[in-house]
All heavy atoms as atom14 arrays in JSON, in Angstrom:
{
  "sequence": "ALGFAAYFGGFAAFLLVAALGAVGFAAGWLLRGDVDLGELLSGRDRRR",
  "atom14_mask": [
    [1, 1, 1, 1, 1, 0, 0, 0, 0, 0, 0, 0, 0, 0],
    [1, 1, 1, 1, 1, 1, 1, 1, 0, 0, 0, 0, 0, 0],
    [1, 1, 1, 1, 0, 0, 0, 0, 0, 0, 0, 0, 0, 0],
    [1, 1, 1, 1, 1, 1, 1, 1, 1, 1, 1, 0, 0, 0],
    [1, 1, 1, 1, 1, 0, 0, 0, 0, 0, 0, 0, 0, 0],
    [1, 1, 1, 1, 1, 0, 0, 0, 0, 0, 0, 0, 0, 0],
    [1, 1, 1, 1, 1, 1, 1, 1, 1, 1, 1, 1, 0, 0],
    [1, 1, 1, 1, 1, 1, 1, 1, 1, 1, 1, 0, 0, 0],
    [1, 1, 1, 1, 0, 0, 0, 0, 0, 0, 0, 0, 0, 0],
    [1, 1, 1, 1, 0, 0, 0, 0, 0, 0, 0, 0, 0, 0],
    [1, 1, 1, 1, 1, 1, 1, 1, 1, 1, 1, 0, 0, 0],
    [1, 1, 1, 1, 1, 0, 0, 0, 0, 0, 0, 0, 0, 0],
    [1, 1, 1, 1, 1, 0, 0, 0, 0, 0, 0, 0, 0, 0],
    [1, 1, 1, 1, 1, 1, 1, 1, 1, 1, 1, 0, 0, 0],
    [1, 1, 1, 1, 1, 1, 1, 1, 0, 0, 0, 0, 0, 0],
    [1, 1, 1, 1, 1, 1, 1, 1, 0, 0, 0, 0, 0, 0],
    [1, 1, 1, 1, 1, 1, 1, 0, 0, 0, 0, 0, 0, 0],
    [1, 1, 1, 1, 1, 0, 0, 0, 0, 0, 0, 0, 0, 0],
    [1, 1, 1, 1, 1, 0, 0, 0, 0, 0, 0, 0, 0, 0],
    [1, 1, 1, 1, 1, 1, 1, 1, 0, 0, 0, 0, 0, 0],
    [1, 1, 1, 1, 0, 0, 0, 0, 0, 0, 0, 0, 0, 0],
    [1, 1, 1, 1, 1, 0, 0, 0, 0, 0, 0, 0, 0, 0],
    [1, 1, 1, 1, 1, 1, 1, 0, 0, 0, 0, 0, 0, 0],
    [1, 1, 1, 1, 0, 0, 0, 0, 0, 0, 0, 0, 0, 0],
    [1, 1, 1, 1, 1, 1, 1, 1, 1, 1, 1, 0, 0, 0],
    [1, 1, 1, 1, 1, 0, 0, 0, 0, 0, 0, 0, 0, 0],
    [1, 1, 1, 1, 1, 0, 0, 0, 0, 0, 0, 0, 0, 0],
    [1, 1, 1, 1, 0, 0, 0, 0, 0, 0, 0, 0, 0, 0],
    [1, 1, 1, 1, 1, 1, 1, 1, 1, 1, 1, 1, 1, 1],
    [1, 1, 1, 1, 1, 1, 1, 1, 0, 0, 0, 0, 0, 0],
    [1, 1, 1, 1, 1, 1, 1, 1, 0, 0, 0, 0, 0, 0],
    [1, 1, 1, 1, 1, 1, 1, 1, 1, 1, 1, 0, 0, 0],
    [1, 1, 1, 1, 0, 0, 0, 0, 0, 0, 0, 0, 0, 0],
    [1, 1, 1, 1, 1, 1, 1, 1, 0, 0, 0, 0, 0, 0],
    [1, 1, 1, 1, 1, 1, 1, 0, 0, 0, 0, 0, 0, 0],
    [1, 1, 1, 1, 1, 1, 1, 1, 0, 0, 0, 0, 0, 0],
    [1, 1, 1, 1, 1, 1, 1, 1, 0, 0, 0, 0, 0, 0],
    [1, 1, 1, 1, 0, 0, 0, 0, 0, 0, 0, 0, 0, 0],
    [1, 1, 1, 1, 1, 1, 1, 1, 1, 0, 0, 0, 0, 0],
    [1, 1, 1, 1, 1, 1, 1, 1, 0, 0, 0, 0, 0, 0],
    [1, 1, 1, 1, 1, 1, 1, 1, 0, 0, 0, 0, 0, 0],
    [1, 1, 1, 1, 1, 1, 0, 0, 0, 0, 0, 0, 0, 0],
    [1, 1, 1, 1, 0, 0, 0, 0, 0, 0, 0, 0, 0, 0],
    [1, 1, 1, 1, 1, 1, 1, 1, 1, 1, 1, 0, 0, 0],
    [1, 1, 1, 1, 1, 1, 1, 1, 0, 0, 0, 0, 0, 0],
    [1, 1, 1, 1, 1, 1, 1, 1, 1, 1, 1, 0, 0, 0],
    [1, 1, 1, 1, 1, 1, 1, 1, 1, 1, 1, 0, 0, 0],
    [1, 1, 1, 1, 1, 1, 1, 1, 1, 1, 1, 0, 0, 0]
  ],
  "atom14_positions": [
    [[0.79, -1.14, 0.03], [0.04, -0.08, -0.03], [0.85, 1.21, 0.0], [0.53, 2.21, -0.73], [-0.94, -0.02, 1.1], [0.0, 0.0, 0.0], [0.0, 0.0, 0.0], [0.0, 0.0, 0.0], [0.0, 0.0, 0.0], [0.0, 0.0, 0.0], [0.0, 0.0, 0.0], [0.0, 0.0, 0.0], [0.0, 0.0, 0.0], [0.0, 0.0, 0.0]],
    [[1.93, 1.26, 0.85], [2.86, 2.42, 0.8], [3.59, 2.54, -0.49], [3.79, 3.67, -1.04], [3.84, 2.22, 2.03], [3.3, 2.48, 3.34], [4.36, 2.11, 4.41], [2.72, 3.88, 3.61], [0.0, 0.0, 0.0], [0.0, 0.0, 0.0], [0.0, 0.0, 0.0], [0.0, 0.0, 0.0], [0.0, 0.0, 0.0], [0.0, 0.0, 0.0]],
    [[3.93, 1.48, -1.08], [4.63, 1.51, -2.42], [3.72, 2.08, -3.49], [4.14, 2.85, -4.35], [0.0, 0.0, 0.0], [0.0, 0.0, 0.0], [0.0, 0.0, 0.0], [0.0, 0.0, 0.0], [0.0, 0.0, 0.0], [0.0, 0.0, 0.0], [0.0, 0.0, 0.0], [0.0, 0.0, 0.0], [0.0, 0.0, 0.0], [0.0, 0.0, 0.0]],
    [[2.48, 1.64, -3.55], [1.52, 2.18, -4.53], [1.28, 3.67, -4.21], [1.21, 4.45, -5.23], [0.25, 1.49, -4.37], [0.25, 0.09, -5.21], [-0.11, -1.08, -4.57], [0.41, 0.08, -6.59], [-0.05, -2.34, -5.23], [0.4, -1.12, -7.3], [0.15, -2.34, -6.59], [0.0, 0.0, 0.0], [0.0, 0.0, 0.0], [0.0, 0.0, 0.0]],
    [[1.14, 4.05, -3.04], [0.91, 5.41, -2.73], [2.09, 6.33, -3.14], [1.86, 7.44, -3.77], [0.71, 5.66, -1.23], [0.0, 0.0, 0.0], [0.0, 0.0, 0.0], [0.0, 0.0, 0.0], [0.0, 0.0, 0.0], [0.0, 0.0, 0.0], [0.0, 0.0, 0.0], [0.0, 0.0, 0.0], [0.0, 0.0, 0.0], [0.0, 0.0, 0.0]],
    [[3.28, 5.85, -2.91], [4.49, 6.58, -3.41], [4.62, 6.58, -4.84], [4.96, 7.66, -5.37], [5.8, 5.95, -2.74], [0.0, 0.0, 0.0], [0.0, 0.0, 0.0], [0.0, 0.0, 0.0], [0.0, 0.0, 0.0], [0.0, 0.0, 0.0], [0.0, 0.0, 0.0], [0.0, 0.0, 0.0], [0.0, 0.0, 0.0], [0.0, 0.0, 0.0]],
    [[4.3, 5.48, -5.57], [4.48, 5.43, -6.96], [3.46, 6.35, -7.65], [3.73, 7.17, -8.52], [4.32, 3.99, -7.44], [4.6, 3.94, -8.86], [5.86, 3.98, -9.41], [3.51, 3.73, -9.82], [6.11, 3.92, -10.79], [3.71, 3.65, -11.1], [5.05, 3.66, -11.62], [5.24, 3.7, -12.96], [0.0, 0.0, 0.0], [0.0, 0.0, 0.0]],
    [[2.21, 6.29, -7.34], [1.06, 6.96, -7.94], [0.76, 8.37, -7.5], [0.25, 9.14, -8.21], [-0.19, 6.05, -7.98], [-0.13, 4.87, -8.84], [-0.02, 3.59, -8.23], [-0.02, 4.92, -10.16], [0.12, 2.49, -8.92], [0.07, 3.79, -10.87], [0.12, 2.59, -10.37], [0.0, 0.0, 0.0], [0.0, 0.0, 0.0], [0.0, 0.0, 0.0]],
    [[1.1, 8.58, -6.14], [0.77, 9.86, -5.49], [1.89, 10.75, -5.16], [1.72, 11.79, -4.77], [0.0, 0.0, 0.0], [0.0, 0.0, 0.0], [0.0, 0.0, 0.0], [0.0, 0.0, 0.0], [0.0, 0.0, 0.0], [0.0, 0.0, 0.0], [0.0, 0.0, 0.0], [0.0, 0.0, 0.0], [0.0, 0.0, 0.0], [0.0, 0.0, 0.0]],
    [[3.02, 10.2, -5.16], [4.25, 10.99, -4.74], [4.55, 10.94, -3.25], [3.87, 10.11, -2.54], [0.0, 0.0, 0.0], [0.0, 0.0, 0.0], [0.0, 0.0, 0.0], [0.0, 0.0, 0.0], [0.0, 0.0, 0.0], [0.0, 0.0, 0.0], [0.0, 0.0, 0.0], [0.0, 0.0, 0.0], [0.0, 0.0, 0.0], [0.0, 0.0, 0.0]],
    [[5.43, 11.6, -2.87], [5.97, 11.55, -1.47], [4.87, 12.0, -0.45], [4.76, 11.37, 0.6], [7.19, 12.34, -1.29], [7.87, 12.16, 0.02], [8.48, 10.91, 0.32], [7.86, 13.2, 0.89], [9.07, 10.74, 1.58], [8.55, 13.01, 2.24], [9.13, 11.84, 2.57], [0.0, 0.0, 0.0], [0.0, 0.0, 0.0], [0.0, 0.0, 0.0]],
    [[4.09, 13.0, -0.69], [3.09, 13.41, 0.2], [2.06, 12.38, 0.43], [1.61, 12.16, 1.55], [2.4, 14.72, -0.39], [0.0, 0.0, 0.0], [0.0, 0.0, 0.0], [0.0, 0.0, 0.0], [0.0, 0.0, 0.0], [0.0, 0.0, 0.0], [0.0, 0.0, 0.0], [0.0, 0.0, 0.0], [0.0, 0.0, 0.0], [0.0, 0.0, 0.0]],
    [[1.66, 11.62, -0.67], [0.63, 10.51, -0.44], [1.19, 9.37, 0.33], [0.6, 8.8, 1.15], [0.24, 10.0, -1.87], [0.0, 0.0, 0.0], [0.0, 0.0, 0.0], [0.0, 0.0, 0.0], [0.0, 0.0, 0.0], [0.0, 0.0, 0.0], [0.0, 0.0, 0.0], [0.0, 0.0, 0.0], [0.0, 0.0, 0.0], [0.0, 0.0, 0.0]],
    [[2.64, 9.17, 0.04], [3.25, 8.11, 0.89], [3.19, 8.61, 2.42], [2.92, 7.66, 3.23], [4.71, 8.09, 0.44], [5.61, 7.22, 1.34], [5.55, 5.84, 1.3], [6.42, 7.88, 2.25], [6.42, 5.1, 2.1], [7.32, 7.22, 3.1], [7.21, 5.78, 2.95], [0.0, 0.0, 0.0], [0.0, 0.0, 0.0], [0.0, 0.0, 0.0]],
    [[3.51, 9.74, 2.73], [3.51, 10.13, 4.12], [2.09, 10.08, 4.74], [1.88, 9.71, 5.94], [3.94, 11.58, 4.21], [5.44, 11.78, 4.06], [5.83, 13.28, 4.12], [6.27, 10.91, 5.03], [0.0, 0.0, 0.0], [0.0, 0.0, 0.0], [0.0, 0.0, 0.0], [0.0, 0.0, 0.0], [0.0, 0.0, 0.0], [0.0, 0.0, 0.0]],
    [[1.03, 10.43, 3.89], [-0.39, 10.38, 4.36], [-0.72, 8.97, 4.64], [-1.37, 8.56, 5.71], [-1.33, 11.06, 3.37], [-2.8, 10.98, 3.67], [-3.08, 11.81, 4.99], [-3.55, 11.4, 2.5], [0.0, 0.0, 0.0], [0.0, 0.0, 0.0], [0.0, 0.0, 0.0], [0.0, 0.0, 0.0], [0.0, 0.0, 0.0], [0.0, 0.0, 0.0]],
    [[-0.45, 8.09, 3.77], [-0.73, 6.7, 3.99], [0.07, 6.14, 5.25], [-0.54, 5.38, 6.06], [-0.53, 5.84, 2.75], [-0.6, 4.32, 2.94], [-1.38, 6.23, 1.57], [0.0, 0.0, 0.0], [0.0, 0.0, 0.0], [0.0, 0.0, 0.0], [0.0, 0.0, 0.0], [0.0, 0.0, 0.0], [0.0, 0.0, 0.0], [0.0, 0.0, 0.0]],
    [[1.33, 6.53, 5.34], [1.97, 5.99, 6.4], [1.47, 6.56, 7.73], [1.39, 5.82, 8.79], [3.47, 6.33, 6.44], [0.0, 0.0, 0.0], [0.0, 0.0, 0.0], [0.0, 0.0, 0.0], [0.0, 0.0, 0.0], [0.0, 0.0, 0.0], [0.0, 0.0, 0.0], [0.0, 0.0, 0.0], [0.0, 0.0, 0.0], [0.0, 0.0, 0.0]],
    [[1.06, 7.78, 7.85], [0.48, 8.45, 9.02], [-0.81, 7.71, 9.39], [-1.04, 7.44, 10.58], [0.44, 9.98, 8.92], [0.0, 0.0, 0.0], [0.0, 0.0, 0.0], [0.0, 0.0, 0.0], [0.0, 0.0, 0.0], [0.0, 0.0, 0.0], [0.0, 0.0, 0.0], [0.0, 0.0, 0.0], [0.0, 0.0, 0.0], [0.0, 0.0, 0.0]],
    [[-1.67, 7.57, 8.37], [-2.92, 6.91, 8.67], [-2.81, 5.45, 9.07], [-3.62, 4.96, 9.95], [-3.9, 7.1, 7.45], [-4.43, 8.44, 7.11], [-5.11, 8.4, 5.93], [-5.21, 9.05, 8.32], [0.0, 0.0, 0.0], [0.0, 0.0, 0.0], [0.0, 0.0, 0.0], [0.0, 0.0, 0.0], [0.0, 0.0, 0.0], [0.0, 0.0, 0.0]],
    [[-1.78, 4.78, 8.51], [-1.48, 3.39, 8.95], [-1.13, 3.43, 10.44], [-1.43, 2.52, 11.23], [0.0, 0.0, 0.0], [0.0, 0.0, 0.0], [0.0, 0.0, 0.0], [0.0, 0.0, 0.0], [0.0, 0.0, 0.0], [0.0, 0.0, 0.0], [0.0, 0.0, 0.0], [0.0, 0.0, 0.0], [0.0, 0.0, 0.0], [0.0, 0.0, 0.0]],
    [[-0.31, 4.3, 10.84], [0.08, 4.4, 12.19], [-1.08, 4.61, 13.13], [-1.12, 4.17, 14.24], [1.16, 5.48, 12.4], [0.0, 0.0, 0.0], [0.0, 0.0, 0.0], [0.0, 0.0, 0.0], [0.0, 0.0, 0.0], [0.0, 0.0, 0.0], [0.0, 0.0, 0.0], [0.0, 0.0, 0.0], [0.0, 0.0, 0.0], [0.0, 0.0, 0.0]],
    [[-1.95, 5.46, 12.77], [-3.2, 5.84, 13.59], [-3.96, 4.52, 13.67], [-4.5, 4.2, 14.69], [-3.95, 6.97, 12.94], [-5.38, 7.07, 13.54], [-3.2, 8.3, 13.09], [0.0, 0.0, 0.0], [0.0, 0.0, 0.0], [0.0, 0.0, 0.0], [0.0, 0.0, 0.0], [0.0, 0.0, 0.0], [0.0, 0.0, 0.0], [0.0, 0.0, 0.0]],
    [[-4.23, 3.84, 12.55], [-4.93, 2.56, 12.55], [-4.24, 1.48, 13.41], [-4.91, 0.79, 14.11], [0.0, 0.0, 0.0], [0.0, 0.0, 0.0], [0.0, 0.0, 0.0], [0.0, 0.0, 0.0], [0.0, 0.0, 0.0], [0.0, 0.0, 0.0], [0.0, 0.0, 0.0], [0.0, 0.0, 0.0], [0.0, 0.0, 0.0], [0.0, 0.0, 0.0]],
    [[-2.91, 1.51, 13.32], [-2.24, 0.42, 14.3], [-2.47, 0.86, 15.66], [-2.73, -0.03, 16.6], [-0.75, 0.59, 13.88], [0.1, -0.36, 14.59], [0.07, -1.66, 14.33], [0.96, -0.02, 15.64], [0.96, -2.68, 14.96], [1.76, -0.89, 16.3], [1.65, -2.24, 15.85], [0.0, 0.0, 0.0], [0.0, 0.0, 0.0], [0.0, 0.0, 0.0]],
    [[-2.37, 2.14, 16.15], [-2.65, 2.51, 17.5], [-4.09, 2.18, 17.95], [-4.34, 1.79, 18.93], [-2.31, 3.98, 17.76], [0.0, 0.0, 0.0], [0.0, 0.0, 0.0], [0.0, 0.0, 0.0], [0.0, 0.0, 0.0], [0.0, 0.0, 0.0], [0.0, 0.0, 0.0], [0.0, 0.0, 0.0], [0.0, 0.0, 0.0], [0.0, 0.0, 0.0]],
    [[-5.04, 2.59, 17.05], [-6.46, 2.25, 17.35], [-6.67, 0.71, 17.44], [-7.4, 0.33, 18.32], [-7.32, 2.74, 16.17], [0.0, 0.0, 0.0], [0.0, 0.0, 0.0], [0.0, 0.0, 0.0], [0.0, 0.0, 0.0], [0.0, 0.0, 0.0], [0.0, 0.0, 0.0], [0.0, 0.0, 0.0], [0.0, 0.0, 0.0], [0.0, 0.0, 0.0]],
    [[-5.91, -0.19, 16.75], [-6.02, -1.6, 16.91], [-5.5, -2.05, 18.3], [-6.04, -2.91, 18.92], [0.0, 0.0, 0.0], [0.0, 0.0, 0.0], [0.0, 0.0, 0.0], [0.0, 0.0, 0.0], [0.0, 0.0, 0.0], [0.0, 0.0, 0.0], [0.0, 0.0, 0.0], [0.0, 0.0, 0.0], [0.0, 0.0, 0.0], [0.0, 0.0, 0.0]],
    [[-4.48, -1.38, 18.65], [-3.98, -1.64, 20.02], [-4.97, -1.36, 21.13], [-5.2, -2.2, 22.02], [-2.62, -0.98, 20.27], [-1.32, -1.64, 20.0], [-1.29, -2.98, 19.43], [-0.09, -1.19, 20.33], [0.04, -3.24, 19.41], [0.85, -2.25, 19.8], [0.39, -0.04, 20.79], [2.2, -1.92, 20.04], [1.76, 0.13, 20.96], [2.63, -0.76, 20.53]],
    [[-5.5, -0.23, 20.92], [-6.54, 0.2, 22.0], [-7.79, -0.68, 21.92], [-8.25, -1.06, 23.06], [-6.94, 1.75, 21.66], [-5.86, 2.76, 22.01], [-6.36, 4.1, 21.46], [-5.52, 2.74, 23.48], [0.0, 0.0, 0.0], [0.0, 0.0, 0.0], [0.0, 0.0, 0.0], [0.0, 0.0, 0.0], [0.0, 0.0, 0.0], [0.0, 0.0, 0.0]],
    [[-8.22, -0.99, 20.78], [-9.44, -1.82, 20.74], [-9.23, -3.26, 21.22], [-10.07, -3.86, 21.78], [-9.97, -1.75, 19.34], [-10.54, -0.49, 18.74], [-11.01, -0.59, 17.33], [-11.78, -0.19, 19.6], [0.0, 0.0, 0.0], [0.0, 0.0, 0.0], [0.0, 0.0, 0.0], [0.0, 0.0, 0.0], [0.0, 0.0, 0.0], [0.0, 0.0, 0.0]],
    [[-8.02, -3.7, 20.96], [-7.75, -5.12, 21.36], [-7.52, -5.15, 22.88], [-7.51, -6.21, 23.49], [-6.47, -5.72, 20.64], [-6.38, -7.2, 20.68], [-5.33, -7.65, 19.73], [-4.13, -7.51, 20.23], [-2.95, -7.9, 19.53], [-3.07, -8.37, 18.45], [-1.68, -7.72, 20.14], [0.0, 0.0, 0.0], [0.0, 0.0, 0.0], [0.0, 0.0, 0.0]],
    [[-7.13, -4.07, 23.46], [-6.87, -4.01, 24.96], [-5.41, -4.14, 25.35], [-5.23, -4.42, 26.61], [0.0, 0.0, 0.0], [0.0, 0.0, 0.0], [0.0, 0.0, 0.0], [0.0, 0.0, 0.0], [0.0, 0.0, 0.0], [0.0, 0.0, 0.0], [0.0, 0.0, 0.0], [0.0, 0.0, 0.0], [0.0, 0.0, 0.0], [0.0, 0.0, 0.0]],
    [[-4.55, -4.04, 24.45], [-3.18, -4.16, 24.78], [-2.57, -2.92, 25.47], [-1.56, -3.02, 26.18], [-2.31, -4.33, 23.59], [-2.57, -5.78, 22.88], [-3.12, -6.55, 23.57], [-2.13, -6.02, 21.73], [0.0, 0.0, 0.0], [0.0, 0.0, 0.0], [0.0, 0.0, 0.0], [0.0, 0.0, 0.0], [0.0, 0.0, 0.0], [0.0, 0.0, 0.0]],
    [[-3.3, -1.8, 25.37], [-2.82, -0.5, 25.84], [-3.88, 0.07, 26.69], [-5.15, 0.09, 26.15], [-2.41, 0.38, 24.76], [-2.03, 1.84, 25.28], [-1.22, -0.15, 24.0], [0.0, 0.0, 0.0], [0.0, 0.0, 0.0], [0.0, 0.0, 0.0], [0.0, 0.0, 0.0], [0.0, 0.0, 0.0], [0.0, 0.0, 0.0], [0.0, 0.0, 0.0]],
    [[-3.7, 0.47, 27.97], [-4.62, 1.19, 28.72], [-4.38, 2.7, 28.55], [-3.37, 3.12, 28.99], [-4.47, 0.75, 30.16], [-5.51, 1.42, 31.1], [-6.49, 2.01, 30.63], [-5.3, 1.31, 32.27], [0.0, 0.0, 0.0], [0.0, 0.0, 0.0], [0.0, 0.0, 0.0], [0.0, 0.0, 0.0], [0.0, 0.0, 0.0], [0.0, 0.0, 0.0]],
    [[-5.37, 3.3, 27.93], [-5.24, 4.74, 27.5], [-5.07, 5.65, 28.84], [-4.27, 6.54, 28.75], [-6.44, 5.23, 26.7], [-6.29, 6.47, 26.13], [-5.06, 6.65, 25.12], [-7.46, 6.93, 25.23], [0.0, 0.0, 0.0], [0.0, 0.0, 0.0], [0.0, 0.0, 0.0], [0.0, 0.0, 0.0], [0.0, 0.0, 0.0], [0.0, 0.0, 0.0]],
    [[-5.84, 5.37, 29.82], [-5.72, 6.11, 31.16], [-4.29, 6.07, 31.74], [-3.65, 7.03, 32.23], [0.0, 0.0, 0.0], [0.0, 0.0, 0.0], [0.0, 0.0, 0.0], [0.0, 0.0, 0.0], [0.0, 0.0, 0.0], [0.0, 0.0, 0.0], [0.0, 0.0, 0.0], [0.0, 0.0, 0.0], [0.0, 0.0, 0.0], [0.0, 0.0, 0.0]],
    [[-3.76, 4.82, 31.68], [-2.47, 4.62, 32.3], [-1.34, 5.31, 31.45], [-0.42, 5.79, 31.96], [-2.23, 3.04, 32.3], [-0.84, 2.74, 32.97], [-0.73, 1.15, 33.12], [-1.5, 0.61, 33.63], [0.32, 0.74, 32.43], [0.0, 0.0, 0.0], [0.0, 0.0, 0.0], [0.0, 0.0, 0.0], [0.0, 0.0, 0.0], [0.0, 0.0, 0.0]],
    [[-1.71, 5.24, 30.09], [-0.63, 5.86, 29.2], [-0.57, 7.32, 29.39], [0.43, 7.95, 29.36], [-1.09, 5.46, 27.76], [-0.11, 5.84, 26.71], [1.27, 5.17, 26.78], [-0.66, 5.64, 25.29], [0.0, 0.0, 0.0], [0.0, 0.0, 0.0], [0.0, 0.0, 0.0], [0.0, 0.0, 0.0], [0.0, 0.0, 0.0], [0.0, 0.0, 0.0]],
    [[-1.79, 7.9, 29.48], [-1.8, 9.42, 29.58], [-1.48, 9.95, 31.01], [-0.8, 10.98, 31.13], [-3.21, 9.88, 29.35], [-3.73, 9.76, 27.87], [-5.19, 10.24, 27.83], [-2.94, 10.4, 26.9], [0.0, 0.0, 0.0], [0.0, 0.0, 0.0], [0.0, 0.0, 0.0], [0.0, 0.0, 0.0], [0.0, 0.0, 0.0], [0.0, 0.0, 0.0]],
    [[-1.62, 9.13, 32.05], [-1.22, 9.53, 33.31], [0.25, 9.36, 33.59], [0.81, 10.02, 34.43], [-1.99, 8.71, 34.39], [-1.44, 7.34, 34.39], [0.0, 0.0, 0.0], [0.0, 0.0, 0.0], [0.0, 0.0, 0.0], [0.0, 0.0, 0.0], [0.0, 0.0, 0.0], [0.0, 0.0, 0.0], [0.0, 0.0, 0.0], [0.0, 0.0, 0.0]],
    [[0.9, 8.53, 32.81], [2.42, 8.26, 32.93], [2.77, 7.38, 34.03], [3.91, 7.17, 34.39], [0.0, 0.0, 0.0], [0.0, 0.0, 0.0], [0.0, 0.0, 0.0], [0.0, 0.0, 0.0], [0.0, 0.0, 0.0], [0.0, 0.0, 0.0], [0.0, 0.0, 0.0], [0.0, 0.0, 0.0], [0.0, 0.0, 0.0], [0.0, 0.0, 0.0]],
    [[1.85, 6.72, 34.72], [2.11, 5.71, 35.68], [2.31, 4.39, 35.14], [1.68, 4.0, 34.27], [1.05, 5.7, 36.8], [0.93, 7.01, 37.62], [-0.1, 6.93, 38.57], [-1.3, 6.78, 37.9], [-2.51, 7.07, 38.41], [-2.64, 7.48, 39.65], [-3.61, 6.85, 37.65], [0.0, 0.0, 0.0], [0.0, 0.0, 0.0], [0.0, 0.0, 0.0]],
    [[3.11, 3.57, 35.74], [3.29, 2.26, 35.29], [2.94, 1.25, 36.56], [3.51, 1.35, 37.64], [4.8, 2.01, 35.02], [5.08, 0.7, 34.36], [4.17, 0.0, 34.12], [6.33, 0.43, 34.25], [0.0, 0.0, 0.0], [0.0, 0.0, 0.0], [0.0, 0.0, 0.0], [0.0, 0.0, 0.0], [0.0, 0.0, 0.0], [0.0, 0.0, 0.0]],
    [[1.89, 0.57, 36.34], [1.35, -0.25, 37.33], [2.15, -1.49, 37.7], [1.95, -2.27, 38.54], [-0.11, -0.73, 37.06], [-0.28, -1.45, 35.91], [-1.72, -1.8, 35.71], [-1.9, -2.34, 34.44], [-2.9, -3.21, 34.05], [-3.8, -3.45, 34.86], [-2.96, -3.54, 32.8], [0.0, 0.0, 0.0], [0.0, 0.0, 0.0], [0.0, 0.0, 0.0]],
    [[3.19, -1.77, 36.8], [3.98, -2.96, 36.96], [5.04, -2.83, 38.07], [5.67, -3.74, 38.4], [4.84, -3.37, 35.68], [3.75, -3.89, 34.6], [4.44, -4.13, 33.31], [4.66, -2.79, 32.73], [5.32, -2.72, 31.59], [6.04, -3.64, 31.04], [5.34, -1.47, 31.0], [0.0, 0.0, 0.0], [0.0, 0.0, 0.0], [0.0, 0.0, 0.0]],
    [[5.21, -1.63, 38.58], [6.13, -1.41, 39.56], [5.71, -1.83, 40.9], [4.61, -1.77, 41.36], [6.68, 0.02, 39.69], [7.42, 0.47, 38.51], [7.82, 1.94, 38.8], [7.93, 2.52, 37.38], [8.13, 3.73, 37.32], [8.25, 4.54, 38.37], [8.18, 4.3, 36.13], [0.0, 0.0, 0.0], [0.0, 0.0, 0.0], [0.0, 0.0, 0.0]]
  ]
}
């Protein structure tokens, strides 16, 4: 997908696809429950 975006849309399209992919990756982590958003924003680590 990144290769097609870079080839057909140029570097700006490549960056847009990469950024949206990163947002989707983070949303997937949140929806799956791997990351606790409250803990992440508070800066506390409950493993200590």
